[in-house]
């Protein structure tokens, strides 16, 4: 994002920037930290940064290998670590959880069950790192206006957190820590759901493709996506295998996830531009 700056907090303008309708909790935060002209400064030292520990970001700040499901809203400014809303499916886009993604470790971690709880985790982490001599009241006022008690916010990022799944849906964990969420009927019998992200090992692209095609042939698109997303984790940061991303586009279409088709195509373009 150019200059870590949003010209407006108008919901439609934000949708154009981020590629989705921003959740109400994040919109309220932006409105609380905006400048008199309605814009938001998300640079280092800004109120936004003092409250969340993040610089404003969008998908142009994504590193190769960032999961397509992660729609960026911020970055730490250190080691390429980013933060975004995890949008598995348009039907679940109203109050999505946030996750941090470390491209060096190829790993994401959820911050909360939904947007508001995730923002609370960010604020708690930032407060815990605050200089004891800092007497600025503005961040505390914003936190209170969002309905949080600063003394009750978690001081550390939660680990191993899983997002809430609607009835009839499941989350199958992937190597990147974010998982594939879909209706249970789209997963094959015997689909593993709770594997530790660190237990996955890199395979050849051809192996991921063969397993995905077999799952598609059997009618299990979510299991196919699970195989492909694991392959994407290990291979997209090195290069963007066209056969792998083409298969992901096919599966996203089978699941009706047109927003993720567009996001993956954007990621491919950004990867090419960075080469």
C-alpha atoms as a PDB file:
ATOM      1  CA  UNK A   1       0.000   0.000   0.000  1.00  0.00           C
ATOM      2  CA  UNK A   2       1.468   3.332  -1.060  1.00  0.00           C
ATOM      3  CA  UNK A   3       2.496   5.391   1.963  1.00  0.00           C
ATOM      4  CA  UNK A   4       0.423   3.242   4.379  1.00  0.00           C
ATOM      5  CA  UNK A   5      -2.492   5.620   3.894  1.00  0.00           C
ATOM      6  CA  UNK A   6      -6.234   5.267   3.287  1.00  0.00           C
ATOM      7  CA  UNK A   7      -7.870   8.322   1.686  1.00  0.00           C
ATOM      8  CA  UNK A   8     -11.291   7.501   3.140  1.00  0.00           C
ATOM      9  CA  UNK A   9     -13.171   5.230   5.532  1.00  0.00           C
ATOM     10  CA  UNK A  10     -16.161   5.058   3.198  1.00  0.00           C
ATOM     11  CA  UNK A  11     -17.132   1.344   3.113  1.00  0.00           C
ATOM     12  CA  UNK A  12     -17.285   1.215  -0.683  1.00  0.00           C
ATOM     13  CA  UNK A  13     -13.883   2.888  -1.015  1.00  0.00           C
ATOM     14  CA  UNK A  14     -12.450   0.394   1.464  1.00  0.00           C
ATOM     15  CA  UNK A  15     -13.987  -2.503  -0.468  1.00  0.00           C
ATOM     16  CA  UNK A  16     -12.148  -1.344  -3.571  1.00  0.00           C
ATOM     17  CA  UNK A  17      -8.853  -1.161  -1.647  1.00  0.00           C
ATOM     18  CA  UNK A  18      -9.111  -4.494   0.143  1.00  0.00           C
ATOM     19  CA  UNK A  19     -11.170  -6.549  -2.295  1.00  0.00           C
ATOM     20  CA  UNK A  20     -13.970  -7.333   0.155  1.00  0.00           C
ATOM     21  CA  UNK A  21     -16.471  -5.573   2.422  1.00  0.00           C
ATOM     22  CA  UNK A  22     -14.441  -4.812   5.542  1.00  0.00           C
ATOM     23  CA  UNK A  23     -15.928  -6.212   8.778  1.00  0.00           C
ATOM     24  CA  UNK A  24     -17.776  -3.816  11.051  1.00  0.00           C
ATOM     25  CA  UNK A  25     -15.216  -4.114  13.856  1.00  0.00           C
ATOM     26  CA  UNK A  26     -12.324  -3.140  11.573  1.00  0.00           C
ATOM     27  CA  UNK A  27     -14.352  -0.306  10.049  1.00  0.00           C
ATOM     28  CA  UNK A  28     -15.086   1.067  13.519  1.00  0.00           C
ATOM     29  CA  UNK A  29     -11.372   0.960  14.369  1.00  0.00           C
ATOM     30  CA  UNK A  30     -10.505   2.892  11.209  1.00  0.00           C
ATOM     31  CA  UNK A  31     -13.160   5.486  11.996  1.00  0.00           C
ATOM     32  CA  UNK A  32     -11.779   5.954  15.517  1.00  0.00           C
ATOM     33  CA  UNK A  33      -8.198   6.548  14.354  1.00  0.00           C
ATOM     34  CA  UNK A  34      -8.907   8.607  11.238  1.00  0.00           C
ATOM     35  CA  UNK A  35      -7.717  12.171  10.691  1.00  0.00           C
ATOM     36  CA  UNK A  36     -10.037  15.213  10.558  1.00  0.00           C
ATOM     37  CA  UNK A  37     -10.233  14.927   6.759  1.00  0.00           C
ATOM     38  CA  UNK A  38     -11.532  11.364   7.037  1.00  0.00           C
ATOM     39  CA  UNK A  39      -8.331   9.687   5.861  1.00  0.00           C
ATOM     40  CA  UNK A  40      -6.350   7.153   7.881  1.00  0.00           C
ATOM     41  CA  UNK A  41      -2.623   7.389   8.481  1.00  0.00           C
ATOM     42  CA  UNK A  42      -1.227   3.903   8.993  1.00  0.00           C
ATOM     43  CA  UNK A  43       2.471   4.763   9.040  1.00  0.00           C
ATOM     44  CA  UNK A  44       4.977   4.085  11.790  1.00  0.00           C
ATOM     45  CA  UNK A  45       4.094   6.197  14.832  1.00  0.00           C
ATOM     46  CA  UNK A  46       0.480   6.706  13.755  1.00  0.00           C
ATOM     47  CA  UNK A  47      -2.429   6.117  16.111  1.00  0.00           C
ATOM     48  CA  UNK A  48      -3.381   3.059  14.053  1.00  0.00           C
ATOM     49  CA  UNK A  49       0.104   1.639  14.585  1.00  0.00           C
ATOM     50  CA  UNK A  50       0.117   2.497  18.300  1.00  0.00           C
ATOM     51  CA  UNK A  51      -3.188   0.658  18.784  1.00  0.00           C
ATOM     52  CA  UNK A  52      -2.604  -2.435  16.625  1.00  0.00           C
ATOM     53  CA  UNK A  53       1.168  -2.728  16.204  1.00  0.00           C
ATOM     54  CA  UNK A  54       0.583  -2.768  12.447  1.00  0.00           C
ATOM     55  CA  UNK A  55       1.258  -0.540   9.479  1.00  0.00           C
ATOM     56  CA  UNK A  56      -1.601  -0.347   7.014  1.00  0.00           C
ATOM     57  CA  UNK A  57      -1.214  -2.745   4.077  1.00  0.00           C
ATOM     58  CA  UNK A  58      -3.124  -4.294   1.222  1.00  0.00           C
ATOM     59  CA  UNK A  59      -2.558  -7.194  -1.155  1.00  0.00           C
ATOM     60  CA  UNK A  60       0.256  -5.395  -2.946  1.00  0.00           C
ATOM     61  CA  UNK A  61       2.290  -6.023   0.228  1.00  0.00           C
ATOM     62  CA  UNK A  62       1.816  -9.802   0.033  1.00  0.00           C
ATOM     63  CA  UNK A  63       4.903 -11.990  -0.275  1.00  0.00           C
ATOM     64  CA  UNK A  64       5.021 -14.990  -2.632  1.00  0.00           C
ATOM     65  CA  UNK A  65       3.424 -17.943  -0.896  1.00  0.00           C
ATOM     66  CA  UNK A  66       0.822 -15.910   0.988  1.00  0.00           C
ATOM     67  CA  UNK A  67      -2.370 -18.027   1.025  1.00  0.00           C
ATOM     68  CA  UNK A  68      -5.030 -16.637  -1.337  1.00  0.00           C
ATOM     69  CA  UNK A  69      -7.527 -16.828   1.557  1.00  0.00           C
ATOM     70  CA  UNK A  70      -5.560 -14.191   3.502  1.00  0.00           C
ATOM     71  CA  UNK A  71      -6.759 -10.684   2.563  1.00  0.00           C
ATOM     72  CA  UNK A  72      -4.151  -8.325   3.947  1.00  0.00           C
ATOM     73  CA  UNK A  73      -4.997  -5.315   6.110  1.00  0.00           C
ATOM     74  CA  UNK A  74      -1.648  -4.717   7.817  1.00  0.00           C
ATOM     75  CA  UNK A  75       2.013  -5.605   8.224  1.00  0.00           C
ATOM     76  CA  UNK A  76       4.399  -5.445  11.151  1.00  0.00           C
ATOM     77  CA  UNK A  77       7.272  -3.915   9.190  1.00  0.00           C
ATOM     78  CA  UNK A  78       9.539  -6.740  10.395  1.00  0.00           C
ATOM     79  CA  UNK A  79      10.597  -9.876   8.470  1.00  0.00           C
ATOM     80  CA  UNK A  80       7.737  -9.535   5.994  1.00  0.00           C
ATOM     81  CA  UNK A  81       5.120 -10.569   8.580  1.00  0.00           C
ATOM     82  CA  UNK A  82       1.607  -9.566   7.524  1.00  0.00           C
ATOM     83  CA  UNK A  83      -1.904  -9.650   8.980  1.00  0.00           C
ATOM     84  CA  UNK A  84      -5.176 -10.187   7.184  1.00  0.00           C
ATOM     85  CA  UNK A  85      -8.763 -11.391   7.239  1.00  0.00           C
ATOM     86  CA  UNK A  86      -9.092 -15.087   6.436  1.00  0.00           C
ATOM     87  CA  UNK A  87     -11.919 -15.480   3.917  1.00  0.00           C
ATOM     88  CA  UNK A  88     -12.494 -19.131   3.123  1.00  0.00           C
ATOM     89  CA  UNK A  89     -15.862 -18.612   1.453  1.00  0.00           C
ATOM     90  CA  UNK A  90     -18.037 -15.608   0.567  1.00  0.00           C
ATOM     91  CA  UNK A  91     -20.792 -17.022   2.764  1.00  0.00           C
ATOM     92  CA  UNK A  92     -18.489 -16.623   5.783  1.00  0.00           C
ATOM     93  CA  UNK A  93     -17.240 -13.126   4.985  1.00  0.00           C
ATOM     94  CA  UNK A  94     -19.314 -11.140   7.483  1.00  0.00           C
ATOM     95  CA  UNK A  95     -17.093 -11.481  10.551  1.00  0.00           C
ATOM     96  CA  UNK A  96     -13.918 -13.340   9.541  1.00  0.00           C
ATOM     97  CA  UNK A  97     -11.023 -14.054  11.898  1.00  0.00           C
ATOM     98  CA  UNK A  98      -7.652 -12.388  11.415  1.00  0.00           C
ATOM     99  CA  UNK A  99      -4.369 -14.238  11.118  1.00  0.00           C
ATOM    100  CA  UNK A 100      -0.696 -13.337  11.085  1.00  0.00           C
ATOM    101  CA  UNK A 101       1.439 -14.807   8.305  1.00  0.00           C
ATOM    102  CA  UNK A 102       5.216 -15.197   8.455  1.00  0.00           C
ATOM    103  CA  UNK A 103       6.594 -15.785   4.924  1.00  0.00           C
ATOM    104  CA  UNK A 104       9.936 -16.871   6.358  1.00  0.00           C
ATOM    105  CA  UNK A 105       8.282 -19.763   8.169  1.00  0.00           C
ATOM    106  CA  UNK A 106       5.504 -20.266   5.563  1.00  0.00           C
ATOM    107  CA  UNK A 107       3.132 -20.245   8.511  1.00  0.00           C
ATOM    108  CA  UNK A 108      -0.024 -18.454   9.572  1.00  0.00           C
ATOM    109  CA  UNK A 109      -1.623 -18.297  13.010  1.00  0.00           C
ATOM    110  CA  UNK A 110      -5.153 -17.247  13.836  1.00  0.00           C
ATOM    111  CA  UNK A 111      -5.565 -14.331  16.237  1.00  0.00           C
ATOM    112  CA  UNK A 112      -9.186 -14.927  17.270  1.00  0.00           C
ATOM    113  CA  UNK A 113     -12.500 -16.580  16.511  1.00  0.00           C
ATOM    114  CA  UNK A 114     -13.813 -13.507  14.693  1.00  0.00           C
ATOM    115  CA  UNK A 115     -12.718 -10.006  13.663  1.00  0.00           C
ATOM    116  CA  UNK A 116     -13.378  -8.253  16.973  1.00  0.00           C
ATOM    117  CA  UNK A 117     -11.620 -10.870  19.102  1.00  0.00           C
ATOM    118  CA  UNK A 118      -8.712 -10.870  16.659  1.00  0.00           C
ATOM    119  CA  UNK A 119      -8.348  -7.087  16.951  1.00  0.00           C
ATOM    120  CA  UNK A 120      -8.432  -7.492  20.724  1.00  0.00           C
ATOM    121  CA  UNK A 121      -5.497  -9.897  20.496  1.00  0.00           C
ATOM    122  CA  UNK A 122      -3.517  -7.434  18.370  1.00  0.00           C
ATOM    123  CA  UNK A 123      -4.193  -4.638  20.848  1.00  0.00           C
ATOM    124  CA  UNK A 124      -3.222  -6.774  23.821  1.00  0.00           C
ATOM    125  CA  UNK A 125       0.073  -7.755  22.209  1.00  0.00           C
ATOM    126  CA  UNK A 126       0.817  -4.115  21.405  1.00  0.00           C
ATOM    127  CA  UNK A 127      -0.033  -2.970  24.929  1.00  0.00           C
ATOM    128  CA  UNK A 128       2.282  -5.595  26.409  1.00  0.00           C
ATOM    129  CA  UNK A 129       5.143  -4.152  24.336  1.00  0.00           C
ATOM    130  CA  UNK A 130       4.364  -0.559  25.260  1.00  0.00           C
ATOM    131  CA  UNK A 131       7.103   1.496  26.896  1.00  0.00           C
ATOM    132  CA  UNK A 132       6.235   1.839  30.611  1.00  0.00           C
ATOM    133  CA  UNK A 133       7.118   5.516  30.339  1.00  0.00           C
ATOM    134  CA  UNK A 134       4.628   6.112  27.501  1.00  0.00           C
ATOM    135  CA  UNK A 135       1.880   8.324  28.942  1.00  0.00           C
ATOM    136  CA  UNK A 136      -0.108   8.641  25.712  1.00  0.00           C
ATOM    137  CA  UNK A 137      -3.807   8.139  26.415  1.00  0.00           C
ATOM    138  CA  UNK A 138      -5.020   8.043  22.814  1.00  0.00           C
ATOM    139  CA  UNK A 139      -4.467   4.293  22.228  1.00  0.00           C
ATOM    140  CA  UNK A 140      -6.211   3.449  25.505  1.00  0.00           C
ATOM    141  CA  UNK A 141      -9.146   5.642  24.557  1.00  0.00           C
ATOM    142  CA  UNK A 142      -9.519   3.876  21.204  1.00  0.00           C
ATOM    143  CA  UNK A 143      -9.345   0.478  22.878  1.00  0.00           C
ATOM    144  CA  UNK A 144     -12.028   1.510  25.368  1.00  0.00           C
ATOM    145  CA  UNK A 145     -14.251   2.915  22.609  1.00  0.00           C
ATOM    146  CA  UNK A 146     -14.065  -0.455  20.891  1.00  0.00           C
ATOM    147  CA  UNK A 147     -15.496  -1.997  24.054  1.00  0.00           C
ATOM    148  CA  UNK A 148     -12.350  -3.602  25.464  1.00  0.00           C
ATOM    149  CA  UNK A 149     -10.887  -3.396  28.943  1.00  0.00           C
ATOM    150  CA  UNK A 150      -7.135  -2.899  28.352  1.00  0.00           C
ATOM    151  CA  UNK A 151      -6.320  -4.866  31.516  1.00  0.00           C
ATOM    152  CA  UNK A 152      -8.154  -7.944  30.215  1.00  0.00           C
ATOM    153  CA  UNK A 153      -6.586  -8.160  26.750  1.00  0.00           C
ATOM    154  CA  UNK A 154      -4.215 -11.087  26.105  1.00  0.00           C
ATOM    155  CA  UNK A 155      -0.528 -10.056  26.220  1.00  0.00           C
ATOM    156  CA  UNK A 156       0.625 -12.715  23.737  1.00  0.00           C
ATOM    157  CA  UNK A 157      -0.507 -14.097  20.413  1.00  0.00           C
ATOM    158  CA  UNK A 158      -2.593 -17.256  20.850  1.00  0.00           C
ATOM    159  CA  UNK A 159      -1.102 -20.384  19.329  1.00  0.00           C
ATOM    160  CA  UNK A 160      -2.952 -23.342  17.880  1.00  0.00           C
ATOM    161  CA  UNK A 161      -6.238 -21.438  17.681  1.00  0.00           C
ATOM    162  CA  UNK A 162      -8.872 -22.730  15.265  1.00  0.00           C
ATOM    163  CA  UNK A 163     -11.627 -20.508  13.835  1.00  0.00           C
ATOM    164  CA  UNK A 164     -15.293 -21.113  14.461  1.00  0.00           C
ATOM    165  CA  UNK A 165     -16.977 -23.370  11.860  1.00  0.00           C
ATOM    166  CA  UNK A 166     -20.691 -23.174  11.021  1.00  0.00           C
ATOM    167  CA  UNK A 167     -22.898 -26.258  11.475  1.00  0.00           C
ATOM    168  CA  UNK A 168     -22.282 -28.726   8.679  1.00  0.00           C
ATOM    169  CA  UNK A 169     -18.828 -27.315   7.903  1.00  0.00           C
ATOM    170  CA  UNK A 170     -15.340 -28.551   8.776  1.00  0.00           C
ATOM    171  CA  UNK A 171     -11.840 -27.101   8.840  1.00  0.00           C
ATOM    172  CA  UNK A 172      -9.022 -29.322   7.579  1.00  0.00           C
ATOM    173  CA  UNK A 173      -5.693 -27.944   8.770  1.00  0.00           C
ATOM    174  CA  UNK A 174      -3.030 -27.273   6.130  1.00  0.00           C
ATOM    175  CA  UNK A 175       0.720 -26.765   6.146  1.00  0.00           C
ATOM    176  CA  UNK A 176       0.300 -22.975   6.184  1.00  0.00           C
ATOM    177  CA  UNK A 177      -1.695 -23.056   9.438  1.00  0.00           C
ATOM    178  CA  UNK A 178      -4.900 -21.588   7.978  1.00  0.00           C
ATOM    179  CA  UNK A 179      -6.637 -24.716   6.719  1.00  0.00           C
ATOM    180  CA  UNK A 180      -9.394 -25.387   4.197  1.00  0.00           C
ATOM    181  CA  UNK A 181     -12.935 -24.694   5.411  1.00  0.00           C
ATOM    182  CA  UNK A 182     -15.884 -26.137   3.520  1.00  0.00           C
ATOM    183  CA  UNK A 183     -19.112 -28.016   3.928  1.00  0.00           C
ATOM    184  CA  UNK A 184     -18.431 -31.505   5.240  1.00  0.00           C
ATOM    185  CA  UNK A 185     -19.912 -33.125   2.123  1.00  0.00           C
ATOM    186  CA  UNK A 186     -17.031 -31.734   0.055  1.00  0.00           C
ATOM    187  CA  UNK A 187     -14.402 -33.649   2.058  1.00  0.00           C
ATOM    188  CA  UNK A 188     -13.531 -37.265   1.273  1.00  0.00           C
ATOM    189  CA  UNK A 189     -14.096 -39.981   3.864  1.00  0.00           C
ATOM    190  CA  UNK A 190     -10.941 -40.354   5.908  1.00  0.00           C
ATOM    191  CA  UNK A 191      -9.950 -36.707   5.364  1.00  0.00           C
ATOM    192  CA  UNK A 192      -7.559 -35.686   8.173  1.00  0.00           C
ATOM    193  CA  UNK A 193      -8.727 -32.521   9.902  1.00  0.00           C
ATOM    194  CA  UNK A 194      -6.439 -31.910  12.864  1.00  0.00           C
ATOM    195  CA  UNK A 195      -2.909 -32.463  11.577  1.00  0.00           C
ATOM    196  CA  UNK A 196      -0.232 -30.250  13.089  1.00  0.00           C
ATOM    197  CA  UNK A 197       0.894 -27.744  10.406  1.00  0.00           C
ATOM    198  CA  UNK A 198       4.503 -28.629  11.192  1.00  0.00           C
ATOM    199  CA  UNK A 199       3.884 -32.321  10.408  1.00  0.00           C
ATOM    200  CA  UNK A 200       3.467 -31.729   6.657  1.00  0.00           C
ATOM    201  CA  UNK A 201       6.357 -32.523   4.337  1.00  0.00           C
ATOM    202  CA  UNK A 202       6.994 -31.111   0.887  1.00  0.00           C
ATOM    203  CA  UNK A 203       6.145 -33.343  -2.067  1.00  0.00           C
ATOM    204  CA  UNK A 204       6.696 -32.967  -5.781  1.00  0.00           C
ATOM    205  CA  UNK A 205       4.141 -30.792  -7.538  1.00  0.00           C
ATOM    206  CA  UNK A 206       3.075 -33.813  -9.581  1.00  0.00           C
ATOM    207  CA  UNK A 207       2.138 -35.683  -6.394  1.00  0.00           C
ATOM    208  CA  UNK A 208      -0.113 -32.877  -5.160  1.00  0.00           C
ATOM    209  CA  UNK A 209      -1.753 -32.682  -8.586  1.00  0.00           C
ATOM    210  CA  UNK A 210      -2.358 -36.422  -8.803  1.00  0.00           C
ATOM    211  CA  UNK A 211      -3.984 -36.523  -5.359  1.00  0.00           C
ATOM    212  CA  UNK A 212      -6.108 -33.477  -6.114  1.00  0.00           C
ATOM    213  CA  UNK A 213      -7.301 -34.874  -9.449  1.00  0.00           C
ATOM    214  CA  UNK A 214      -8.260 -38.147  -7.782  1.00  0.00           C
ATOM    215  CA  UNK A 215     -10.299 -36.233  -5.184  1.00  0.00           C
ATOM    216  CA  UNK A 216     -12.012 -34.179  -7.902  1.00  0.00           C
ATOM    217  CA  UNK A 217     -12.875 -37.348  -9.816  1.00  0.00           C
ATOM    218  CA  UNK A 218     -14.496 -38.739  -6.658  1.00  0.00           C
ATOM    219  CA  UNK A 219     -16.467 -35.519  -6.137  1.00  0.00           C
ATOM    220  CA  UNK A 220     -14.547 -34.138  -3.145  1.00  0.00           C
ATOM    221  CA  UNK A 221     -13.491 -30.630  -4.090  1.00  0.00           C
ATOM    222  CA  UNK A 222     -12.480 -29.567  -0.559  1.00  0.00           C
ATOM    223  CA  UNK A 223     -10.085 -32.492  -0.233  1.00  0.00           C
ATOM    224  CA  UNK A 224      -8.666 -31.584  -3.646  1.00  0.00           C
ATOM    225  CA  UNK A 225      -8.150 -28.018  -2.411  1.00  0.00           C
ATOM    226  CA  UNK A 226      -6.503 -29.350   0.751  1.00  0.00           C
ATOM    227  CA  UNK A 227      -3.877 -31.164  -1.329  1.00  0.00           C
ATOM    228  CA  UNK A 228      -3.330 -28.155  -3.595  1.00  0.00           C
ATOM    229  CA  UNK A 229      -3.083 -25.657  -0.741  1.00  0.00           C
ATOM    230  CA  UNK A 230      -0.406 -27.803   0.884  1.00  0.00           C
ATOM    231  CA  UNK A 231       1.479 -27.809  -2.392  1.00  0.00           C
ATOM    232  CA  UNK A 232       1.022 -24.055  -2.722  1.00  0.00           C
ATOM    233  CA  UNK A 233       2.554 -23.548   0.724  1.00  0.00           C
ATOM    234  CA  UNK A 234       5.758 -25.313  -0.191  1.00  0.00           C
ATOM    235  CA  UNK A 235       6.120 -24.265  -3.808  1.00  0.00           C
ATOM    236  CA  UNK A 236       4.601 -20.811  -4.371  1.00  0.00           C
ATOM    237  CA  UNK A 237       7.323 -18.998  -2.416  1.00  0.00           C
ATOM    238  CA  UNK A 238       9.982 -20.592  -4.651  1.00  0.00           C
ATOM    239  CA  UNK A 239       8.127 -20.336  -7.936  1.00  0.00           C
ATOM    240  CA  UNK A 240       4.477 -20.270  -8.954  1.00  0.00           C
ATOM    241  CA  UNK A 241       3.900 -23.635 -10.707  1.00  0.00           C
ATOM    242  CA  UNK A 242       1.324 -22.908 -13.407  1.00  0.00           C
ATOM    243  CA  UNK A 243      -0.130 -26.407 -13.300  1.00  0.00           C
ATOM    244  CA  UNK A 244      -0.695 -26.109  -9.528  1.00  0.00           C
ATOM    245  CA  UNK A 245      -2.313 -22.688  -9.633  1.00  0.00           C
ATOM    246  CA  UNK A 246      -4.463 -23.691 -12.634  1.00  0.00           C
ATOM    247  CA  UNK A 247      -5.760 -26.643 -10.628  1.00  0.00           C
ATOM    248  CA  UNK A 248      -6.476 -24.359  -7.656  1.00  0.00           C
ATOM    249  CA  UNK A 249      -8.487 -22.037  -9.908  1.00  0.00           C
ATOM    250  CA  UNK A 250     -10.497 -25.045 -11.119  1.00  0.00           C
ATOM    251  CA  UNK A 251     -11.277 -26.159  -7.567  1.00  0.00           C
ATOM    252  CA  UNK A 252     -12.169 -22.668  -6.372  1.00  0.00           C
ATOM    253  CA  UNK A 253     -14.673 -22.528  -9.238  1.00  0.00           C
ATOM    254  CA  UNK A 254     -16.105 -25.922  -8.245  1.00  0.00           C
ATOM    255  CA  UNK A 255     -16.646 -24.560  -4.731  1.00  0.00           C
ATOM    256  CA  UNK A 256     -18.121 -21.298  -6.036  1.00  0.00           C
ATOM    257  CA  UNK A 257     -15.268 -19.173  -4.658  1.00  0.00           C
ATOM    258  CA  UNK A 258     -14.937 -16.597  -7.410  1.00  0.00           C
ATOM    259  CA  UNK A 259     -13.364 -14.046  -5.068  1.00  0.00           C
ATOM    260  CA  UNK A 260     -10.488 -16.466  -4.453  1.00  0.00           C
ATOM    261  CA  UNK A 261     -10.085 -17.060  -8.188  1.00  0.00           C
ATOM    262  CA  UNK A 262      -9.509 -13.311  -8.575  1.00  0.00           C
ATOM    263  CA  UNK A 263      -7.197 -13.209  -5.566  1.00  0.00           C
ATOM    264  CA  UNK A 264      -5.077 -16.105  -6.828  1.00  0.00           C
ATOM    265  CA  UNK A 265      -4.751 -14.460 -10.228  1.00  0.00           C
ATOM    266  CA  UNK A 266      -3.574 -11.283  -8.452  1.00  0.00           C
ATOM    267  CA  UNK A 267      -1.016 -13.298  -6.493  1.00  0.00           C
ATOM    268  CA  UNK A 268       0.296 -14.842  -9.713  1.00  0.00           C
ATOM    269  CA  UNK A 269       0.693 -11.387 -11.272  1.00  0.00           C
ATOM    270  CA  UNK A 270       2.495 -10.012  -8.195  1.00  0.00           C
ATOM    271  CA  UNK A 271       4.821 -13.013  -8.230  1.00  0.00           C
ATOM    272  CA  UNK A 272       5.691 -12.472 -11.881  1.00  0.00           C
ATOM    273  CA  UNK A 273       6.338  -8.774 -11.264  1.00  0.00           C
ATOM    274  CA  UNK A 274       8.711  -9.606  -8.400  1.00  0.00           C
ATOM    275  CA  UNK A 275      10.867 -11.929 -10.494  1.00  0.00           C
END
